[in-house]
PDB file of N, CA and C in Angstrom:
ATOM      1  N   UNK A   1       0.922  -1.110   0.126  1.00  0.00           N
ATOM      2  CA  UNK A   1      -0.011  -0.181   0.071  1.00  0.00           C
ATOM      3  C   UNK A   1       0.465   0.828  -0.306  1.00  0.00           C
ATOM      4  N   UNK A   2       0.609   2.358  -0.948  1.00  0.00           N
ATOM      5  CA  UNK A   2       1.196   3.485  -1.286  1.00  0.00           C
ATOM      6  C   UNK A   2       0.899   4.421  -0.639  1.00  0.00           C
ATOM      7  N   UNK A   3       1.314   5.602  -0.424  1.00  0.00           N
ATOM      8  CA  UNK A   3       0.563   6.362   0.573  1.00  0.00           C
ATOM      9  C   UNK A   3       0.097   7.621  -0.991  1.00  0.00           C
ATOM     10  N   UNK A   4      -1.764   7.814  -0.517  1.00  0.00           N
ATOM     11  CA  UNK A   4      -2.099   8.490  -1.602  1.00  0.00           C
ATOM     12  C   UNK A   4      -1.920  10.103  -1.867  1.00  0.00           C
ATOM     13  N   UNK A   5      -1.061  10.368  -1.168  1.00  0.00           N
ATOM     14  CA  UNK A   5      -1.007  12.095  -0.488  1.00  0.00           C
ATOM     15  C   UNK A   5       1.048  12.156  -1.152  1.00  0.00           C
ATOM     16  N   UNK A   6       2.228  10.660  -0.381  1.00  0.00           N
ATOM     17  CA  UNK A   6       3.093  11.487  -0.918  1.00  0.00           C
ATOM     18  C   UNK A   6       4.170  10.282  -1.197  1.00  0.00           C
ATOM     19  N   UNK A   7       3.331   9.476  -1.658  1.00  0.00           N
ATOM     20  CA  UNK A   7       3.993   8.362  -2.544  1.00  0.00           C
ATOM     21  C   UNK A   7       4.763   6.994  -1.742  1.00  0.00           C
ATOM     22  N   UNK A   8       5.098   7.281  -0.296  1.00  0.00           N
ATOM     23  CA  UNK A   8       5.628   6.318   0.387  1.00  0.00           C
ATOM     24  C   UNK A   8       5.123   5.127   0.688  1.00  0.00           C
ATOM     25  N   UNK A   9       5.809   4.302   1.129  1.00  0.00           N
ATOM     26  CA  UNK A   9       4.918   2.816   1.795  1.00  0.00           C
ATOM     27  C   UNK A   9       3.888   2.977   3.001  1.00  0.00           C
ATOM     28  N   UNK A  10       3.206   2.729   3.102  1.00  0.00           N
ATOM     29  CA  UNK A  10       2.806   2.049   4.595  1.00  0.00           C
ATOM     30  C   UNK A  10       2.228   0.938   4.505  1.00  0.00           C
ATOM     31  N   UNK A  11       2.095   0.976   6.017  1.00  0.00           N
ATOM     32  CA  UNK A  11       2.577  -0.204   7.246  1.00  0.00           C
ATOM     33  C   UNK A  11       1.743   0.115   7.741  1.00  0.00           C
ATOM     34  N   UNK A  12       1.085  -1.639   8.007  1.00  0.00           N
ATOM     35  CA  UNK A  12       0.537  -1.383   9.099  1.00  0.00           C
ATOM     36  C   UNK A  12       0.252  -1.338  10.339  1.00  0.00           C
ATOM     37  N   UNK A  13      -0.934  -0.290  10.785  1.00  0.00           N
ATOM     38  CA  UNK A  13      -0.609  -0.155  12.538  1.00  0.00           C
ATOM     39  C   UNK A  13      -2.139   0.250  13.509  1.00  0.00           C
ATOM     40  N   UNK A  14      -2.390  -0.726  14.351  1.00  0.00           N
ATOM     41  CA  UNK A  14      -3.777  -0.512  15.219  1.00  0.00           C
ATOM     42  C   UNK A  14      -5.059  -0.062  14.179  1.00  0.00           C
ATOM     43  N   UNK A  15      -4.923  -1.395  13.032  1.00  0.00           N
ATOM     44  CA  UNK A  15      -6.062  -2.045  12.278  1.00  0.00           C
ATOM     45  C   UNK A  15      -6.357  -0.116  11.179  1.00  0.00           C
ATOM     46  N   UNK A  16      -4.710   0.277  11.228  1.00  0.00           N
ATOM     47  CA  UNK A  16      -4.943   1.537  10.182  1.00  0.00           C
ATOM     48  C   UNK A  16      -3.458   1.127   9.452  1.00  0.00           C
ATOM     49  N   UNK A  17      -3.680   1.472   7.524  1.00  0.00           N
ATOM     50  CA  UNK A  17      -2.205   2.024   7.193  1.00  0.00           C
ATOM     51  C   UNK A  17      -1.813   3.437   7.695  1.00  0.00           C
ATOM     52  N   UNK A  18      -0.319   3.541   7.994  1.00  0.00           N
ATOM     53  CA  UNK A  18       0.008   4.737   8.669  1.00  0.00           C
ATOM     54  C   UNK A  18       1.456   4.849   7.743  1.00  0.00           C
ATOM     55  N   UNK A  19       1.439   6.530   7.150  1.00  0.00           N
ATOM     56  CA  UNK A  19       2.568   6.208   6.056  1.00  0.00           C
ATOM     57  C   UNK A  19       3.107   6.319   6.893  1.00  0.00           C
ATOM     58  N   UNK A  20       4.782   6.155   6.450  1.00  0.00           N
ATOM     59  CA  UNK A  20       5.732   6.508   7.481  1.00  0.00           C
ATOM     60  C   UNK A  20       7.161   7.558   6.913  1.00  0.00           C
ATOM     61  N   UNK A  21       6.397   8.130   6.040  1.00  0.00           N
ATOM     62  CA  UNK A  21       6.719   9.682   5.626  1.00  0.00           C
ATOM     63  C   UNK A  21       6.897   9.989   6.976  1.00  0.00           C
ATOM     64  N   UNK A  22       7.736  10.814   7.487  1.00  0.00           N
ATOM     65  CA  UNK A  22       7.924  11.785   8.749  1.00  0.00           C
ATOM     66  C   UNK A  22       7.364  13.011   8.535  1.00  0.00           C
ATOM     67  N   UNK A  23       7.297  13.806   6.993  1.00  0.00           N
ATOM     68  CA  UNK A  23       6.458  15.248   6.507  1.00  0.00           C
ATOM     69  C   UNK A  23       5.347  14.042   6.386  1.00  0.00           C
ATOM     70  N   UNK A  24       5.025  13.770   6.285  1.00  0.00           N
ATOM     71  CA  UNK A  24       3.267  13.460   5.841  1.00  0.00           C
ATOM     72  C   UNK A  24       2.476  12.519   7.054  1.00  0.00           C
ATOM     73  N   UNK A  25       1.246  12.704   6.915  1.00  0.00           N
ATOM     74  CA  UNK A  25       0.602  11.656   8.228  1.00  0.00           C
ATOM     75  C   UNK A  25      -0.480  11.226   7.744  1.00  0.00           C
ATOM     76  N   UNK A  26      -0.749  10.953   6.495  1.00  0.00           N
ATOM     77  CA  UNK A  26      -1.938  10.184   5.915  1.00  0.00           C
ATOM     78  C   UNK A  26      -1.889   9.372   6.854  1.00  0.00           C
ATOM     79  N   UNK A  27      -3.178   8.213   7.096  1.00  0.00           N
ATOM     80  CA  UNK A  27      -3.975   7.245   7.483  1.00  0.00           C
ATOM     81  C   UNK A  27      -4.878   7.191   7.293  1.00  0.00           C
ATOM     82  N   UNK A  28      -5.363   5.612   6.409  1.00  0.00           N
ATOM     83  CA  UNK A  28      -6.301   4.958   6.012  1.00  0.00           C
ATOM     84  C   UNK A  28      -6.645   4.135   6.711  1.00  0.00           C
ATOM     85  N   UNK A  29      -8.120   3.896   6.940  1.00  0.00           N
ATOM     86  CA  UNK A  29      -8.384   2.644   7.780  1.00  0.00           C
ATOM     87  C   UNK A  29      -8.260   1.408   6.722  1.00  0.00           C
ATOM     88  N   UNK A  30      -7.958   0.152   7.028  1.00  0.00           N
ATOM     89  CA  UNK A  30      -7.506  -0.903   6.601  1.00  0.00           C
ATOM     90  C   UNK A  30      -9.011  -1.913   6.101  1.00  0.00           C
ATOM     91  N   UNK A  31      -9.954  -1.179   7.532  1.00  0.00           N
ATOM     92  CA  UNK A  31     -11.598  -2.203   7.291  1.00  0.00           C
ATOM     93  C   UNK A  31     -11.362  -2.934   6.730  1.00  0.00           C
ATOM     94  N   UNK A  32     -12.740  -3.612   5.884  1.00  0.00           N
ATOM     95  CA  UNK A  32     -12.820  -4.961   5.131  1.00  0.00           C
ATOM     96  C   UNK A  32     -12.675  -5.509   3.764  1.00  0.00           C
ATOM     97  N   UNK A  33     -10.776  -4.301   3.811  1.00  0.00           N
ATOM     98  CA  UNK A  33     -10.112  -4.824   2.466  1.00  0.00           C
ATOM     99  C   UNK A  33      -9.307  -6.689   2.164  1.00  0.00           C
ATOM    100  N   UNK A  34      -9.921  -7.423   1.543  1.00  0.00           N
ATOM    101  CA  UNK A  34      -9.440  -8.257   1.678  1.00  0.00           C
ATOM    102  C   UNK A  34      -7.506  -8.853   0.958  1.00  0.00           C
ATOM    103  N   UNK A  35      -7.476  -9.604   1.411  1.00  0.00           N
ATOM    104  CA  UNK A  35      -5.667 -10.148   0.965  1.00  0.00           C
ATOM    105  C   UNK A  35      -5.887 -10.429  -0.296  1.00  0.00           C
ATOM    106  N   UNK A  36      -4.681  -9.914  -1.077  1.00  0.00           N
ATOM    107  CA  UNK A  36      -4.651 -10.051  -2.560  1.00  0.00           C
ATOM    108  C   UNK A  36      -2.680 -10.096  -2.952  1.00  0.00           C
ATOM    109  N   UNK A  37      -3.018 -11.674  -3.773  1.00  0.00           N
ATOM    110  CA  UNK A  37      -1.110 -11.627  -3.824  1.00  0.00           C
ATOM    111  C   UNK A  37      -1.049 -11.548  -5.229  1.00  0.00           C
ATOM    112  N   UNK A  38       0.056 -11.444  -5.605  1.00  0.00           N
ATOM    113  CA  UNK A  38       0.426 -11.011  -6.454  1.00  0.00           C
ATOM    114  C   UNK A  38       1.663 -11.864  -6.979  1.00  0.00           C
ATOM    115  N   UNK A  39       2.353 -12.436  -7.717  1.00  0.00           N
ATOM    116  CA  UNK A  39       3.025 -13.305  -7.828  1.00  0.00           C
ATOM    117  C   UNK A  39       4.166 -12.720  -9.361  1.00  0.00           C
ATOM    118  N   UNK A  40       5.067 -12.301  -9.430  1.00  0.00           N
ATOM    119  CA  UNK A  40       6.268 -11.977 -10.592  1.00  0.00           C
ATOM    120  C   UNK A  40       7.415 -13.122 -10.132  1.00  0.00           C
ATOM    121  N   UNK A  41       7.810 -13.554 -11.714  1.00  0.00           N
ATOM    122  CA  UNK A  41       8.602 -14.463 -11.758  1.00  0.00           C
ATOM    123  C   UNK A  41       9.917 -13.671 -12.473  1.00  0.00           C
ATOM    124  N   UNK A  42      11.370 -13.384 -12.474  1.00  0.00           N
ATOM    125  CA  UNK A  42      12.690 -12.974 -13.359  1.00  0.00           C
ATOM    126  C   UNK A  42      12.993 -14.118 -13.399  1.00  0.00           C
ATOM    127  N   UNK A  43      13.918 -14.270 -13.717  1.00  0.00           N
ATOM    128  CA  UNK A  43      15.523 -14.937 -14.064  1.00  0.00           C
ATOM    129  C   UNK A  43      15.984 -15.377 -13.106  1.00  0.00           C
ATOM    130  N   UNK A  44      16.130 -14.258 -12.531  1.00  0.00           N
ATOM    131  CA  UNK A  44      16.981 -14.423 -10.878  1.00  0.00           C
ATOM    132  C   UNK A  44      16.052 -14.875  -9.633  1.00  0.00           C
ATOM    133  N   UNK A  45      15.220 -14.376  -9.882  1.00  0.00           N
ATOM    134  CA  UNK A  45      14.176 -14.820  -8.225  1.00  0.00           C
ATOM    135  C   UNK A  45      12.581 -14.599  -8.407  1.00  0.00           C
ATOM    136  N   UNK A  46      11.641 -15.079  -7.846  1.00  0.00           N
ATOM    137  CA  UNK A  46      10.470 -15.346  -7.870  1.00  0.00           C
ATOM    138  C   UNK A  46      10.021 -14.593  -6.561  1.00  0.00           C
ATOM    139  N   UNK A  47       9.347 -13.383  -6.711  1.00  0.00           N
ATOM    140  CA  UNK A  47       9.534 -12.434  -5.384  1.00  0.00           C
ATOM    141  C   UNK A  47       7.635 -12.391  -5.377  1.00  0.00           C
ATOM    142  N   UNK A  48       6.897 -12.883  -4.491  1.00  0.00           N
ATOM    143  CA  UNK A  48       5.571 -12.477  -4.099  1.00  0.00           C
ATOM    144  C   UNK A  48       5.021 -11.315  -3.328  1.00  0.00           C
ATOM    145  N   UNK A  49       4.258 -10.075  -3.679  1.00  0.00           N
ATOM    146  CA  UNK A  49       4.087  -9.343  -2.367  1.00  0.00           C
ATOM    147  C   UNK A  49       2.052  -9.860  -2.271  1.00  0.00           C
ATOM    148  N   UNK A  50       2.501  -9.626  -0.919  1.00  0.00           N
ATOM    149  CA  UNK A  50       1.151  -9.712  -0.191  1.00  0.00           C
ATOM    150  C   UNK A  50       0.818  -8.664   0.486  1.00  0.00           C
ATOM    151  N   UNK A  51      -0.475  -8.246  -0.352  1.00  0.00           N
ATOM    152  CA  UNK A  51      -1.284  -7.195   0.892  1.00  0.00           C
ATOM    153  C   UNK A  51      -2.489  -7.618   1.814  1.00  0.00           C
ATOM    154  N   UNK A  52      -2.799  -6.586   2.334  1.00  0.00           N
ATOM    155  CA  UNK A  52      -3.623  -7.010   3.593  1.00  0.00           C
ATOM    156  C   UNK A  52      -3.622  -6.876   4.708  1.00  0.00           C
ATOM    157  N   UNK A  53      -4.233  -7.054   5.793  1.00  0.00           N
ATOM    158  CA  UNK A  53      -4.148  -7.138   6.811  1.00  0.00           C
ATOM    159  C   UNK A  53      -2.970  -8.005   7.450  1.00  0.00           C
ATOM    160  N   UNK A  54      -2.684  -9.073   7.625  1.00  0.00           N
ATOM    161  CA  UNK A  54      -1.678  -9.922   8.350  1.00  0.00           C
ATOM    162  C   UNK A  54      -0.159  -9.260   7.599  1.00  0.00           C
ATOM    163  N   UNK A  55       0.273  -8.675   6.370  1.00  0.00           N
ATOM    164  CA  UNK A  55       1.531  -8.518   5.913  1.00  0.00           C
ATOM    165  C   UNK A  55       1.434  -7.695   4.406  1.00  0.00           C
ATOM    166  N   UNK A  56       2.631  -7.304   4.548  1.00  0.00           N
ATOM    167  CA  UNK A  56       2.762  -6.290   3.431  1.00  0.00           C
ATOM    168  C   UNK A  56       3.552  -6.414   2.718  1.00  0.00           C
ATOM    169  N   UNK A  57       4.656  -6.786   3.521  1.00  0.00           N
ATOM    170  CA  UNK A  57       6.531  -6.789   2.862  1.00  0.00           C
ATOM    171  C   UNK A  57       6.333  -7.514   2.151  1.00  0.00           C
ATOM    172  N   UNK A  58       6.754  -7.437   0.734  1.00  0.00           N
ATOM    173  CA  UNK A  58       7.210  -8.650  -0.417  1.00  0.00           C
ATOM    174  C   UNK A  58       8.317 -10.055   0.202  1.00  0.00           C
ATOM    175  N   UNK A  59       7.987 -11.244  -0.786  1.00  0.00           N
ATOM    176  CA  UNK A  59       8.414 -12.405   0.110  1.00  0.00           C
ATOM    177  C   UNK A  59       9.829 -13.077  -0.677  1.00  0.00           C
ATOM    178  N   UNK A  60      10.988 -13.110  -0.364  1.00  0.00           N
ATOM    179  CA  UNK A  60      11.647 -13.671  -1.265  1.00  0.00           C
ATOM    180  C   UNK A  60      12.202 -15.085  -1.402  1.00  0.00           C
ATOM    181  N   UNK A  61      13.248 -16.003  -2.384  1.00  0.00           N
ATOM    182  CA  UNK A  61      13.755 -17.096  -1.619  1.00  0.00           C
ATOM    183  C   UNK A  61      15.300 -16.627  -1.512  1.00  0.00           C
ATOM    184  N   UNK A  62      15.349 -16.367   0.167  1.00  0.00           N
ATOM    185  CA  UNK A  62      16.271 -16.067   0.754  1.00  0.00           C
ATOM    186  C   UNK A  62      16.617 -16.815   2.057  1.00  0.00           C
ATOM    187  N   UNK A  63      17.990 -17.638   2.163  1.00  0.00           N
ATOM    188  CA  UNK A  63      18.363 -18.544   2.848  1.00  0.00           C
ATOM    189  C   UNK A  63      18.425 -17.654   4.499  1.00  0.00           C
ATOM    190  N   UNK A  64      17.662 -17.895   5.720  1.00  0.00           N
ATOM    191  CA  UNK A  64      18.019 -17.300   6.883  1.00  0.00           C
ATOM    192  C   UNK A  64      19.471 -18.612   7.345  1.00  0.00           C
ATOM    193  N   UNK A  65      20.292 -17.059   7.763  1.00  0.00           N
ATOM    194  CA  UNK A  65      21.593 -17.636   8.503  1.00  0.00           C
ATOM    195  C   UNK A  65      21.273 -18.079   9.661  1.00  0.00           C
ATOM    196  N   UNK A  66      20.196 -17.710  10.672  1.00  0.00           N
ATOM    197  CA  UNK A  66      19.509 -18.584  11.449  1.00  0.00           C
ATOM    198  C   UNK A  66      19.059 -19.648  11.601  1.00  0.00           C
ATOM    199  N   UNK A  67      17.966 -19.918  11.310  1.00  0.00           N
ATOM    200  CA  UNK A  67      17.436 -21.194  10.883  1.00  0.00           C
ATOM    201  C   UNK A  67      17.078 -22.267   9.640  1.00  0.00           C
ATOM    202  N   UNK A  68      18.213 -21.528   8.889  1.00  0.00           N
ATOM    203  CA  UNK A  68      17.801 -22.228   7.566  1.00  0.00           C
ATOM    204  C   UNK A  68      16.568 -22.238   6.848  1.00  0.00           C
ATOM    205  N   UNK A  69      15.597 -21.354   6.879  1.00  0.00           N
ATOM    206  CA  UNK A  69      14.253 -21.169   5.962  1.00  0.00           C
ATOM    207  C   UNK A  69      14.560 -20.600   4.623  1.00  0.00           C
ATOM    208  N   UNK A  70      13.660 -21.428   3.935  1.00  0.00           N
ATOM    209  CA  UNK A  70      14.133 -20.364   2.718  1.00  0.00           C
ATOM    210  C   UNK A  70      13.660 -19.536   1.827  1.00  0.00           C
ATOM    211  N   UNK A  71      12.811 -18.508   2.595  1.00  0.00           N
ATOM    212  CA  UNK A  71      12.074 -17.410   2.441  1.00  0.00           C
ATOM    213  C   UNK A  71      11.891 -16.091   3.590  1.00  0.00           C
ATOM    214  N   UNK A  72      12.148 -15.061   3.112  1.00  0.00           N
ATOM    215  CA  UNK A  72      12.342 -14.153   4.209  1.00  0.00           C
ATOM    216  C   UNK A  72      11.396 -12.475   3.080  1.00  0.00           C
ATOM    217  N   UNK A  73      10.762 -11.839   4.287  1.00  0.00           N
ATOM    218  CA  UNK A  73      10.275 -10.749   3.791  1.00  0.00           C
ATOM    219  C   UNK A  73      11.951 -10.265   3.825  1.00  0.00           C
ATOM    220  N   UNK A  74      11.543  -8.830   2.803  1.00  0.00           N
ATOM    221  CA  UNK A  74      12.251  -7.361   2.802  1.00  0.00           C
ATOM    222  C   UNK A  74      12.116  -6.446   1.898  1.00  0.00           C
ATOM    223  N   UNK A  75      12.736  -5.564   2.297  1.00  0.00           N
ATOM    224  CA  UNK A  75      12.478  -4.239   1.929  1.00  0.00           C
ATOM    225  C   UNK A  75      13.678  -3.680   1.607  1.00  0.00           C
ATOM    226  N   UNK A  76      13.879  -2.736   0.507  1.00  0.00           N
ATOM    227  CA  UNK A  76      15.144  -1.807   0.483  1.00  0.00           C
ATOM    228  C   UNK A  76      14.821  -0.787   1.142  1.00  0.00           C
ATOM    229  N   UNK A  77      16.244   0.425   1.858  1.00  0.00           N
ATOM    230  CA  UNK A  77      16.356   1.407   2.456  1.00  0.00           C
ATOM    231  C   UNK A  77      17.708   2.134   2.013  1.00  0.00           C
ATOM    232  N   UNK A  78      17.826   3.674   1.334  1.00  0.00           N
ATOM    233  CA  UNK A  78      18.791   4.158   1.425  1.00  0.00           C
ATOM    234  C   UNK A  78      19.641   4.665   2.014  1.00  0.00           C
ATOM    235  N   UNK A  79      20.342   4.112   2.976  1.00  0.00           N
ATOM    236  CA  UNK A  79      21.280   4.388   3.727  1.00  0.00           C
ATOM    237  C   UNK A  79      22.043   5.561   3.686  1.00  0.00           C
ATOM    238  N   UNK A  80      22.752   5.566   2.601  1.00  0.00           N
ATOM    239  CA  UNK A  80      24.092   6.465   2.592  1.00  0.00           C
ATOM    240  C   UNK A  80      22.996   7.727   1.648  1.00  0.00           C
ATOM    241  N   UNK A  81      24.821   8.035   0.740  1.00  0.00           N
ATOM    242  CA  UNK A  81      24.260   9.426  -0.078  1.00  0.00           C
ATOM    243  C   UNK A  81      23.674   8.698  -1.406  1.00  0.00           C
ATOM    244  N   UNK A  82      22.976   9.772  -1.799  1.00  0.00           N
ATOM    245  CA  UNK A  82      22.389   9.132  -2.950  1.00  0.00           C
ATOM    246  C   UNK A  82      23.213   7.862  -4.434  1.00  0.00           C
ATOM    247  N   UNK A  83      24.586   8.758  -3.801  1.00  0.00           N
ATOM    248  CA  UNK A  83      25.772   7.183  -5.204  1.00  0.00           C
ATOM    249  C   UNK A  83      25.984   6.280  -4.685  1.00  0.00           C
ATOM    250  N   UNK A  84      25.375   5.474  -3.257  1.00  0.00           N
ATOM    251  CA  UNK A  84      26.338   4.764  -2.919  1.00  0.00           C
ATOM    252  C   UNK A  84      24.404   3.422  -3.246  1.00  0.00           C
ATOM    253  N   UNK A  85      24.844   1.931  -3.189  1.00  0.00           N
ATOM    254  CA  UNK A  85      23.752   1.279  -3.580  1.00  0.00           C
ATOM    255  C   UNK A  85      22.830   1.256  -2.449  1.00  0.00           C
ATOM    256  N   UNK A  86      21.874   0.881  -2.806  1.00  0.00           N
ATOM    257  CA  UNK A  86      20.718   0.894  -1.040  1.00  0.00           C
ATOM    258  C   UNK A  86      20.927  -0.474  -0.746  1.00  0.00           C
ATOM    259  N   UNK A  87      20.400  -0.322   0.784  1.00  0.00           N
ATOM    260  CA  UNK A  87      20.869  -1.529   1.668  1.00  0.00           C
ATOM    261  C   UNK A  87      19.087  -2.539   1.641  1.00  0.00           C
ATOM    262  N   UNK A  88      20.024  -3.618   1.754  1.00  0.00           N
ATOM    263  CA  UNK A  88      18.439  -4.649   1.630  1.00  0.00           C
ATOM    264  C   UNK A  88      18.760  -5.096   2.672  1.00  0.00           C
ATOM    265  N   UNK A  89      17.299  -5.117   3.499  1.00  0.00           N
ATOM    266  CA  UNK A  89      17.043  -5.666   4.947  1.00  0.00           C
ATOM    267  C   UNK A  89      16.140  -7.220   4.641  1.00  0.00           C
ATOM    268  N   UNK A  90      15.928  -7.880   5.606  1.00  0.00           N
ATOM    269  CA  UNK A  90      15.900  -9.286   5.870  1.00  0.00           C
ATOM    270  C   UNK A  90      14.662  -9.453   6.520  1.00  0.00           C
ATOM    271  N   UNK A  91      13.857 -10.263   6.597  1.00  0.00           N
ATOM    272  CA  UNK A  91      13.180 -11.315   7.712  1.00  0.00           C
ATOM    273  C   UNK A  91      12.546 -12.207   7.999  1.00  0.00           C
ATOM    274  N   UNK A  92      12.751 -13.340   8.269  1.00  0.00           N
ATOM    275  CA  UNK A  92      12.616 -14.590   7.986  1.00  0.00           C
ATOM    276  C   UNK A  92      11.724 -14.674   8.246  1.00  0.00           C
ATOM    277  N   UNK A  93      10.998 -15.238   7.573  1.00  0.00           N
ATOM    278  CA  UNK A  93       9.653 -15.977   7.949  1.00  0.00           C
ATOM    279  C   UNK A  93       8.829 -16.531   8.927  1.00  0.00           C
ATOM    280  N   UNK A  94      10.423 -17.364   9.780  1.00  0.00           N
ATOM    281  CA  UNK A  94       9.992 -18.348  10.253  1.00  0.00           C
ATOM    282  C   UNK A  94      10.313 -18.057  11.388  1.00  0.00           C
ATOM    283  N   UNK A  95      11.606 -17.672  11.658  1.00  0.00           N
ATOM    284  CA  UNK A  95      12.110 -17.046  13.166  1.00  0.00           C
ATOM    285  C   UNK A  95      11.939 -15.605  13.235  1.00  0.00           C
ATOM    286  N   UNK A  96      12.059 -15.099  12.501  1.00  0.00           N
ATOM    287  CA  UNK A  96      12.074 -13.452  12.120  1.00  0.00           C
ATOM    288  C   UNK A  96      12.891 -12.785  12.291  1.00  0.00           C
ATOM    289  N   UNK A  97      14.468 -13.572  12.408  1.00  0.00           N
ATOM    290  CA  UNK A  97      15.449 -13.137  12.388  1.00  0.00           C
ATOM    291  C   UNK A  97      15.701 -12.226  11.493  1.00  0.00           C
ATOM    292  N   UNK A  98      16.340 -10.867  11.581  1.00  0.00           N
ATOM    293  CA  UNK A  98      16.665 -10.200  10.832  1.00  0.00           C
ATOM    294  C   UNK A  98      18.107  -9.942  10.322  1.00  0.00           C
ATOM    295  N   UNK A  99      18.028  -9.570   9.074  1.00  0.00           N
ATOM    296  CA  UNK A  99      19.494  -9.527   8.304  1.00  0.00           C
ATOM    297  C   UNK A  99      19.926  -8.385   7.701  1.00  0.00           C
ATOM    298  N   UNK A 100      20.737  -7.836   7.073  1.00  0.00           N
ATOM    299  CA  UNK A 100      21.214  -6.718   6.013  1.00  0.00           C
ATOM    300  C   UNK A 100      21.896  -7.196   5.122  1.00  0.00           C
ATOM    301  N   UNK A 101      22.305  -6.194   3.450  1.00  0.00           N
ATOM    302  CA  UNK A 101      22.547  -6.836   2.352  1.00  0.00           C
ATOM    303  C   UNK A 101      23.242  -5.518   2.074  1.00  0.00           C
TER     304      UNK A 101
END
């Protein structure tokens, strides 16, 4: 779910989607929205994006260094200057261990 005001990614919080952009205060009720599953396939990896009340992060095949599970949620953040690559953060779907690349 993306913010209709600024375009940033929104996350579920207390039954509402909340924009994480500190300069934006947009909030949208989750209500009775049904989950939708979108699957895309590329030559490198298969990505499934689940939207709905339970999960909003995309999921991909990535091996967890803690438990060996083969699926993890991921998101990317630009932590440094614009000329540096983004950092990819992973969270295991089984044990919730988080790591970054």
